[in-house]
Amino acid sequence: MERVPEKYLKHITGSKGLFEVRVENASDIYRVFCFFEEGKLIILLNGFQKKSLKTPRNQIKTAERLKEQYCYEKQHKKDD
């Protein structure tokens, strides 16, 4: 499998498996957080338009919360 260049997909340092998909459209830059489930499925979480060099911490926290919620709901669905 070929690797995606870091310019387009980057691991979020200090996170538990969160990645940032980078999309550019003209002069606008967008980010979408995601994670890999079971190595093949990519789960997209929250996205935002990046306006500064540093990724806002609140956006990372939102992505972490959404990932936890997804994993919790998936686990409890299996238990039903």
PDB file of N, CA and C in Angstrom:
ATOM      1  N   MET A   1       0.845  -1.177   0.000  1.00  0.00           N
ATOM      2  CA  MET A   1       0.000   0.000   0.000  1.00  0.00           C
ATOM      3  C   MET A   1       0.891   1.241   0.000  1.00  0.00           C
ATOM      4  N   GLU A   2       0.592   2.179  -0.855  1.00  0.00           N
ATOM      5  CA  GLU A   2       1.355   3.411  -0.903  1.00  0.00           C
ATOM      6  C   GLU A   2       0.936   4.325   0.246  1.00  0.00           C
ATOM      7  N   ARG A   3       1.873   5.115   0.687  1.00  0.00           N
ATOM      8  CA  ARG A   3       1.590   6.065   1.764  1.00  0.00           C
ATOM      9  C   ARG A   3       1.132   7.394   1.184  1.00  0.00           C
ATOM     10  N   VAL A   4       0.238   8.044   1.917  1.00  0.00           N
ATOM     11  CA  VAL A   4      -0.232   9.369   1.537  1.00  0.00           C
ATOM     12  C   VAL A   4       0.780  10.379   2.078  1.00  0.00           C
ATOM     13  N   PRO A   5       1.226  11.327   1.262  1.00  0.00           N
ATOM     14  CA  PRO A   5       2.192  12.324   1.756  1.00  0.00           C
ATOM     15  C   PRO A   5       1.634  13.107   2.946  1.00  0.00           C
ATOM     16  N   GLU A   6       2.523  13.466   3.859  1.00  0.00           N
ATOM     17  CA  GLU A   6       2.124  14.201   5.056  1.00  0.00           C
ATOM     18  C   GLU A   6       1.462  15.529   4.721  1.00  0.00           C
ATOM     19  N   LYS A   7       1.715  16.039   3.548  1.00  0.00           N
ATOM     20  CA  LYS A   7       1.066  17.282   3.109  1.00  0.00           C
ATOM     21  C   LYS A   7      -0.457  17.134   3.114  1.00  0.00           C
ATOM     22  N   TYR A   8      -0.944  15.908   2.905  1.00  0.00           N
ATOM     23  CA  TYR A   8      -2.393  15.660   2.806  1.00  0.00           C
ATOM     24  C   TYR A   8      -2.974  14.929   4.014  1.00  0.00           C
ATOM     25  N   LEU A   9      -2.171  14.137   4.705  1.00  0.00           N
ATOM     26  CA  LEU A   9      -2.663  13.352   5.841  1.00  0.00           C
ATOM     27  C   LEU A   9      -1.572  13.305   6.896  1.00  0.00           C
ATOM     28  N   LYS A  10      -1.868  13.858   8.078  1.00  0.00           N
ATOM     29  CA  LYS A  10      -0.845  13.966   9.117  1.00  0.00           C
ATOM     30  C   LYS A  10      -1.398  13.489  10.450  1.00  0.00           C
ATOM     31  N   HIS A  11      -0.587  12.698  11.169  1.00  0.00           N
ATOM     32  CA  HIS A  11      -0.956  12.275  12.525  1.00  0.00           C
ATOM     33  C   HIS A  11      -0.915  13.481  13.450  1.00  0.00           C
ATOM     34  N   ILE A  12      -1.890  13.581  14.336  1.00  0.00           N
ATOM     35  CA  ILE A  12      -1.941  14.670  15.309  1.00  0.00           C
ATOM     36  C   ILE A  12      -1.080  14.272  16.502  1.00  0.00           C
ATOM     37  N   THR A  13       0.015  14.973  16.684  1.00  0.00           N
ATOM     38  CA  THR A  13       0.946  14.691  17.774  1.00  0.00           C
ATOM     39  C   THR A  13       0.234  14.768  19.119  1.00  0.00           C
ATOM     40  N   GLY A  14       0.471  13.772  19.955  1.00  0.00           N
ATOM     41  CA  GLY A  14      -0.117  13.746  21.285  1.00  0.00           C
ATOM     42  C   GLY A  14      -1.521  13.164  21.333  1.00  0.00           C
ATOM     43  N   SER A  15      -2.037  12.725  20.185  1.00  0.00           N
ATOM     44  CA  SER A  15      -3.387  12.150  20.155  1.00  0.00           C
ATOM     45  C   SER A  15      -3.293  10.626  20.093  1.00  0.00           C
ATOM     46  N   LYS A  16      -4.411   9.997  20.317  1.00  0.00           N
ATOM     47  CA  LYS A  16      -4.494   8.535  20.246  1.00  0.00           C
ATOM     48  C   LYS A  16      -5.088   8.142  18.901  1.00  0.00           C
ATOM     49  N   GLY A  17      -4.282   8.204  17.853  1.00  0.00           N
ATOM     50  CA  GLY A  17      -4.720   7.743  16.542  1.00  0.00           C
ATOM     51  C   GLY A  17      -5.501   8.726  15.709  1.00  0.00           C
ATOM     52  N   LEU A  18      -5.501  10.002  16.084  1.00  0.00           N
ATOM     53  CA  LEU A  18      -6.184  11.004  15.269  1.00  0.00           C
ATOM     54  C   LEU A  18      -5.270  11.478  14.146  1.00  0.00           C
ATOM     55  N   PHE A  19      -5.876  11.693  12.982  1.00  0.00           N
ATOM     56  CA  PHE A  19      -5.166  12.229  11.833  1.00  0.00           C
ATOM     57  C   PHE A  19      -5.908  13.448  11.328  1.00  0.00           C
ATOM     58  N   GLU A  20      -5.199  14.255  10.551  1.00  0.00           N
ATOM     59  CA  GLU A  20      -5.762  15.470   9.983  1.00  0.00           C
ATOM     60  C   GLU A  20      -5.635  15.375   8.466  1.00  0.00           C
ATOM     61  N   VAL A  21      -6.772  15.398   7.768  1.00  0.00           N
ATOM     62  CA  VAL A  21      -6.780  15.443   6.313  1.00  0.00           C
ATOM     63  C   VAL A  21      -6.722  16.912   5.926  1.00  0.00           C
ATOM     64  N   ARG A  22      -5.806  17.246   5.032  1.00  0.00           N
ATOM     65  CA  ARG A  22      -5.623  18.639   4.631  1.00  0.00           C
ATOM     66  C   ARG A  22      -6.128  18.836   3.209  1.00  0.00           C
ATOM     67  N   VAL A  23      -6.967  19.824   3.039  1.00  0.00           N
ATOM     68  CA  VAL A  23      -7.547  20.123   1.733  1.00  0.00           C
ATOM     69  C   VAL A  23      -7.344  21.602   1.437  1.00  0.00           C
ATOM     70  N   GLU A  24      -6.834  21.897   0.258  1.00  0.00           N
ATOM     71  CA  GLU A  24      -6.672  23.284  -0.168  1.00  0.00           C
ATOM     72  C   GLU A  24      -7.572  23.550  -1.360  1.00  0.00           C
ATOM     73  N   ASN A  25      -8.220  24.709  -1.331  1.00  0.00           N
ATOM     74  CA  ASN A  25      -9.056  25.142  -2.438  1.00  0.00           C
ATOM     75  C   ASN A  25      -8.747  26.620  -2.655  1.00  0.00           C
ATOM     76  N   ALA A  26      -8.060  26.908  -3.734  1.00  0.00           N
ATOM     77  CA  ALA A  26      -7.571  28.271  -3.998  1.00  0.00           C
ATOM     78  C   ALA A  26      -6.694  28.693  -2.824  1.00  0.00           C
ATOM     79  N   SER A  27      -7.044  29.785  -2.134  1.00  0.00           N
ATOM     80  CA  SER A  27      -6.235  30.225  -0.998  1.00  0.00           C
ATOM     81  C   SER A  27      -6.799  29.748   0.340  1.00  0.00           C
ATOM     82  N   ASP A  28      -7.882  28.981   0.310  1.00  0.00           N
ATOM     83  CA  ASP A  28      -8.497  28.472   1.537  1.00  0.00           C
ATOM     84  C   ASP A  28      -7.907  27.111   1.900  1.00  0.00           C
ATOM     85  N   ILE A  29      -7.719  26.895   3.199  1.00  0.00           N
ATOM     86  CA  ILE A  29      -7.205  25.624   3.701  1.00  0.00           C
ATOM     87  C   ILE A  29      -8.227  25.055   4.674  1.00  0.00           C
ATOM     88  N   TYR A  30      -8.575  23.779   4.476  1.00  0.00           N
ATOM     89  CA  TYR A  30      -9.540  23.096   5.328  1.00  0.00           C
ATOM     90  C   TYR A  30      -8.880  21.894   5.966  1.00  0.00           C
ATOM     91  N   ARG A  31      -9.352  21.535   7.156  1.00  0.00           N
ATOM     92  CA  ARG A  31      -8.859  20.362   7.869  1.00  0.00           C
ATOM     93  C   ARG A  31     -10.054  19.514   8.289  1.00  0.00           C
ATOM     94  N   VAL A  32      -9.899  18.216   8.162  1.00  0.00           N
ATOM     95  CA  VAL A  32     -10.913  17.277   8.641  1.00  0.00           C
ATOM     96  C   VAL A  32     -10.186  16.243   9.483  1.00  0.00           C
ATOM     97  N   PHE A  33     -10.618  16.061  10.716  1.00  0.00           N
ATOM     98  CA  PHE A  33     -10.013  15.057  11.575  1.00  0.00           C
ATOM     99  C   PHE A  33     -10.625  13.699  11.274  1.00  0.00           C
ATOM    100  N   CYS A  34      -9.814  12.666  11.415  1.00  0.00           N
ATOM    101  CA  CYS A  34     -10.271  11.315  11.138  1.00  0.00           C
ATOM    102  C   CYS A  34      -9.442  10.322  11.937  1.00  0.00           C
ATOM    103  N   PHE A  35      -9.872   9.047  11.897  1.00  0.00           N
ATOM    104  CA  PHE A  35      -9.071   7.959  12.453  1.00  0.00           C
ATOM    105  C   PHE A  35      -9.355   6.707  11.641  1.00  0.00           C
ATOM    106  N   PHE A  36      -8.467   5.752  11.762  1.00  0.00           N
ATOM    107  CA  PHE A  36      -8.596   4.495  11.036  1.00  0.00           C
ATOM    108  C   PHE A  36      -9.219   3.459  11.950  1.00  0.00           C
ATOM    109  N   GLU A  37     -10.245   2.792  11.446  1.00  0.00           N
ATOM    110  CA  GLU A  37     -10.885   1.731  12.207  1.00  0.00           C
ATOM    111  C   GLU A  37     -10.497   0.399  11.581  1.00  0.00           C
ATOM    112  N   GLU A  38      -9.903  -0.461  12.395  1.00  0.00           N
ATOM    113  CA  GLU A  38      -9.485  -1.789  11.949  1.00  0.00           C
ATOM    114  C   GLU A  38      -8.571  -1.710  10.732  1.00  0.00           C
ATOM    115  N   GLY A  39      -7.838  -0.620  10.591  1.00  0.00           N
ATOM    116  CA  GLY A  39      -6.820  -0.494   9.563  1.00  0.00           C
ATOM    117  C   GLY A  39      -7.278  -0.164   8.164  1.00  0.00           C
ATOM    118  N   LYS A  40      -8.576  -0.284   7.874  1.00  0.00           N
ATOM    119  CA  LYS A  40      -9.033  -0.075   6.501  1.00  0.00           C
ATOM    120  C   LYS A  40     -10.095   1.002   6.351  1.00  0.00           C
ATOM    121  N   LEU A  41     -10.938   1.138   7.326  1.00  0.00           N
ATOM    122  CA  LEU A  41     -12.037   2.092   7.253  1.00  0.00           C
ATOM    123  C   LEU A  41     -11.597   3.414   7.864  1.00  0.00           C
ATOM    124  N   ILE A  42     -11.838   4.508   7.166  1.00  0.00           N
ATOM    125  CA  ILE A  42     -11.507   5.834   7.685  1.00  0.00           C
ATOM    126  C   ILE A  42     -12.788   6.495   8.174  1.00  0.00           C
ATOM    127  N   ILE A  43     -12.804   6.871   9.432  1.00  0.00           N
ATOM    128  CA  ILE A  43     -13.954   7.542  10.031  1.00  0.00           C
ATOM    129  C   ILE A  43     -13.645   9.038  10.073  1.00  0.00           C
ATOM    130  N   LEU A  44     -14.432   9.829   9.354  1.00  0.00           N
ATOM    131  CA  LEU A  44     -14.271  11.287   9.355  1.00  0.00           C
ATOM    132  C   LEU A  44     -15.029  11.864  10.540  1.00  0.00           C
ATOM    133  N   LEU A  45     -14.424  12.812  11.212  1.00  0.00           N
ATOM    134  CA  LEU A  45     -15.025  13.418  12.394  1.00  0.00           C
ATOM    135  C   LEU A  45     -15.427  14.852  12.086  1.00  0.00           C
ATOM    136  N   ASN A  46     -14.802  15.807  12.717  1.00  0.00           N
ATOM    137  CA  ASN A  46     -15.148  17.217  12.510  1.00  0.00           C
ATOM    138  C   ASN A  46     -14.149  17.896  11.582  1.00  0.00           C
ATOM    139  N   GLY A  47     -14.597  18.968  10.963  1.00  0.00           N
ATOM    140  CA  GLY A  47     -13.739  19.721  10.069  1.00  0.00           C
ATOM    141  C   GLY A  47     -13.878  21.212  10.333  1.00  0.00           C
ATOM    142  N   PHE A  48     -12.914  21.967   9.834  1.00  0.00           N
ATOM    143  CA  PHE A  48     -12.934  23.410  10.019  1.00  0.00           C
ATOM    144  C   PHE A  48     -12.027  24.054   8.986  1.00  0.00           C
ATOM    145  N   GLN A  49     -12.187  25.350   8.804  1.00  0.00           N
ATOM    146  CA  GLN A  49     -11.317  26.105   7.913  1.00  0.00           C
ATOM    147  C   GLN A  49     -10.164  26.638   8.748  1.00  0.00           C
ATOM    148  N   LYS A  50      -8.961  26.313   8.327  1.00  0.00           N
ATOM    149  CA  LYS A  50      -7.778  26.719   9.090  1.00  0.00           C
ATOM    150  C   LYS A  50      -7.378  28.133   8.694  1.00  0.00           C
ATOM    151  N   LYS A  51      -7.247  28.985   9.703  1.00  0.00           N
ATOM    152  CA  LYS A  51      -6.921  30.395   9.456  1.00  0.00           C
ATOM    153  C   LYS A  51      -5.628  30.821  10.127  1.00  0.00           C
ATOM    154  N   SER A  52      -5.008  29.909  10.880  1.00  0.00           N
ATOM    155  CA  SER A  52      -3.743  30.229  11.541  1.00  0.00           C
ATOM    156  C   SER A  52      -2.797  29.044  11.384  1.00  0.00           C
ATOM    157  N   LEU A  53      -1.556  29.231  11.771  1.00  0.00           N
ATOM    158  CA  LEU A  53      -0.576  28.163  11.627  1.00  0.00           C
ATOM    159  C   LEU A  53      -0.830  27.013  12.587  1.00  0.00           C
ATOM    160  N   LYS A  54      -1.328  27.311  13.758  1.00  0.00           N
ATOM    161  CA  LYS A  54      -1.542  26.290  14.777  1.00  0.00           C
ATOM    162  C   LYS A  54      -2.981  25.781  14.739  1.00  0.00           C
ATOM    163  N   THR A  55      -3.135  24.460  14.826  1.00  0.00           N
ATOM    164  CA  THR A  55      -4.466  23.863  14.868  1.00  0.00           C
ATOM    165  C   THR A  55      -5.103  24.177  16.215  1.00  0.00           C
ATOM    166  N   PRO A  56      -6.317  24.749  16.223  1.00  0.00           N
ATOM    167  CA  PRO A  56      -6.973  25.095  17.493  1.00  0.00           C
ATOM    168  C   PRO A  56      -7.186  23.861  18.373  1.00  0.00           C
ATOM    169  N   ARG A  57      -6.774  23.964  19.621  1.00  0.00           N
ATOM    170  CA  ARG A  57      -6.878  22.847  20.572  1.00  0.00           C
ATOM    171  C   ARG A  57      -8.331  22.407  20.750  1.00  0.00           C
ATOM    172  N   ASN A  58      -9.267  23.352  20.725  1.00  0.00           N
ATOM    173  CA  ASN A  58     -10.675  22.976  20.904  1.00  0.00           C
ATOM    174  C   ASN A  58     -11.170  22.082  19.768  1.00  0.00           C
ATOM    175  N   GLN A  59     -10.633  22.255  18.565  1.00  0.00           N
ATOM    176  CA  GLN A  59     -11.012  21.388  17.444  1.00  0.00           C
ATOM    177  C   GLN A  59     -10.484  19.969  17.657  1.00  0.00           C
ATOM    178  N   ILE A  60      -9.271  19.858  18.192  1.00  0.00           N
ATOM    179  CA  ILE A  60      -8.703  18.538  18.489  1.00  0.00           C
ATOM    180  C   ILE A  60      -9.512  17.854  19.583  1.00  0.00           C
ATOM    181  N   LYS A  61      -9.871  18.611  20.606  1.00  0.00           N
ATOM    182  CA  LYS A  61     -10.677  18.044  21.698  1.00  0.00           C
ATOM    183  C   LYS A  61     -12.038  17.567  21.185  1.00  0.00           C
ATOM    184  N   THR A  62     -12.641  18.324  20.289  1.00  0.00           N
ATOM    185  CA  THR A  62     -13.913  17.915  19.700  1.00  0.00           C
ATOM    186  C   THR A  62     -13.746  16.605  18.941  1.00  0.00           C
ATOM    187  N   ALA A  63     -12.684  16.482  18.157  1.00  0.00           N
ATOM    188  CA  ALA A  63     -12.429  15.253  17.405  1.00  0.00           C
ATOM    189  C   ALA A  63     -12.216  14.072  18.345  1.00  0.00           C
ATOM    190  N   GLU A  64     -11.469  14.275  19.426  1.00  0.00           N
ATOM    191  CA  GLU A  64     -11.242  13.203  20.396  1.00  0.00           C
ATOM    192  C   GLU A  64     -12.551  12.757  21.034  1.00  0.00           C
ATOM    193  N   ARG A  65     -13.400  13.723  21.369  1.00  0.00           N
ATOM    194  CA  ARG A  65     -14.708  13.401  21.970  1.00  0.00           C
ATOM    195  C   ARG A  65     -15.577  12.613  20.992  1.00  0.00           C
ATOM    196  N   LEU A  66     -15.595  13.031  19.729  1.00  0.00           N
ATOM    197  CA  LEU A  66     -16.387  12.333  18.717  1.00  0.00           C
ATOM    198  C   LEU A  66     -15.870  10.922  18.475  1.00  0.00           C
ATOM    199  N   LYS A  67     -14.563  10.754  18.504  1.00  0.00           N
ATOM    200  CA  LYS A  67     -13.985   9.419  18.337  1.00  0.00           C
ATOM    201  C   LYS A  67     -14.399   8.513  19.487  1.00  0.00           C
ATOM    202  N   GLU A  68     -14.296   9.025  20.717  1.00  0.00           N
ATOM    203  CA  GLU A  68     -14.710   8.254  21.892  1.00  0.00           C
ATOM    204  C   GLU A  68     -16.181   7.873  21.804  1.00  0.00           C
ATOM    205  N   GLN A  69     -17.013   8.820  21.384  1.00  0.00           N
ATOM    206  CA  GLN A  69     -18.446   8.564  21.259  1.00  0.00           C
ATOM    207  C   GLN A  69     -18.707   7.487  20.211  1.00  0.00           C
ATOM    208  N   TYR A  70     -18.031   7.571  19.069  1.00  0.00           N
ATOM    209  CA  TYR A  70     -18.185   6.570  18.016  1.00  0.00           C
ATOM    210  C   TYR A  70     -17.808   5.181  18.535  1.00  0.00           C
ATOM    211  N   CYS A  71     -16.667   5.080  19.180  1.00  0.00           N
ATOM    212  CA  CYS A  71     -16.192   3.785  19.681  1.00  0.00           C
ATOM    213  C   CYS A  71     -17.126   3.230  20.749  1.00  0.00           C
ATOM    214  N   TYR A  72     -17.622   4.093  21.626  1.00  0.00           N
ATOM    215  CA  TYR A  72     -18.559   3.683  22.664  1.00  0.00           C
ATOM    216  C   TYR A  72     -19.843   3.134  22.048  1.00  0.00           C
ATOM    217  N   GLU A  73     -20.404   3.887  21.104  1.00  0.00           N
ATOM    218  CA  GLU A  73     -21.657   3.463  20.472  1.00  0.00           C
ATOM    219  C   GLU A  73     -21.471   2.183  19.674  1.00  0.00           C
ATOM    220  N   LYS A  74     -20.350   2.034  19.010  1.00  0.00           N
ATOM    221  CA  LYS A  74     -20.087   0.816  18.242  1.00  0.00           C
ATOM    222  C   LYS A  74     -19.976  -0.385  19.161  1.00  0.00           C
ATOM    223  N   GLN A  75     -19.275  -0.229  20.288  1.00  0.00           N
ATOM    224  CA  GLN A  75     -19.108  -1.324  21.233  1.00  0.00           C
ATOM    225  C   GLN A  75     -20.449  -1.732  21.829  1.00  0.00           C
ATOM    226  N   HIS A  76     -21.275  -0.759  22.188  1.00  0.00           N
ATOM    227  CA  HIS A  76     -22.563  -1.074  22.793  1.00  0.00           C
ATOM    228  C   HIS A  76     -23.561  -1.615  21.784  1.00  0.00           C
ATOM    229  N   LYS A  77     -23.384  -1.304  20.530  1.00  0.00           N
ATOM    230  CA  LYS A  77     -24.244  -1.876  19.497  1.00  0.00           C
ATOM    231  C   LYS A  77     -23.954  -3.370  19.346  1.00  0.00           C
ATOM    232  N   LYS A  78     -22.682  -3.750  19.475  1.00  0.00           N
ATOM    233  CA  LYS A  78     -22.297  -5.170  19.408  1.00  0.00           C
ATOM    234  C   LYS A  78     -22.912  -5.953  20.562  1.00  0.00           C
ATOM    235  N   ASP A  79     -23.044  -5.297  21.716  1.00  0.00           N
ATOM    236  CA  ASP A  79     -23.558  -5.962  22.906  1.00  0.00           C
ATOM    237  C   ASP A  79     -25.065  -6.224  22.830  1.00  0.00           C
ATOM    238  N   ASP A  80     -25.751  -5.525  21.949  1.00  0.00           N
ATOM    239  CA  ASP A  80     -27.228  -5.680  21.835  1.00  0.00           C
ATOM    240  C   ASP A  80     -27.625  -6.977  21.194  1.00  0.00           C
TER     241      ASP A  80
END
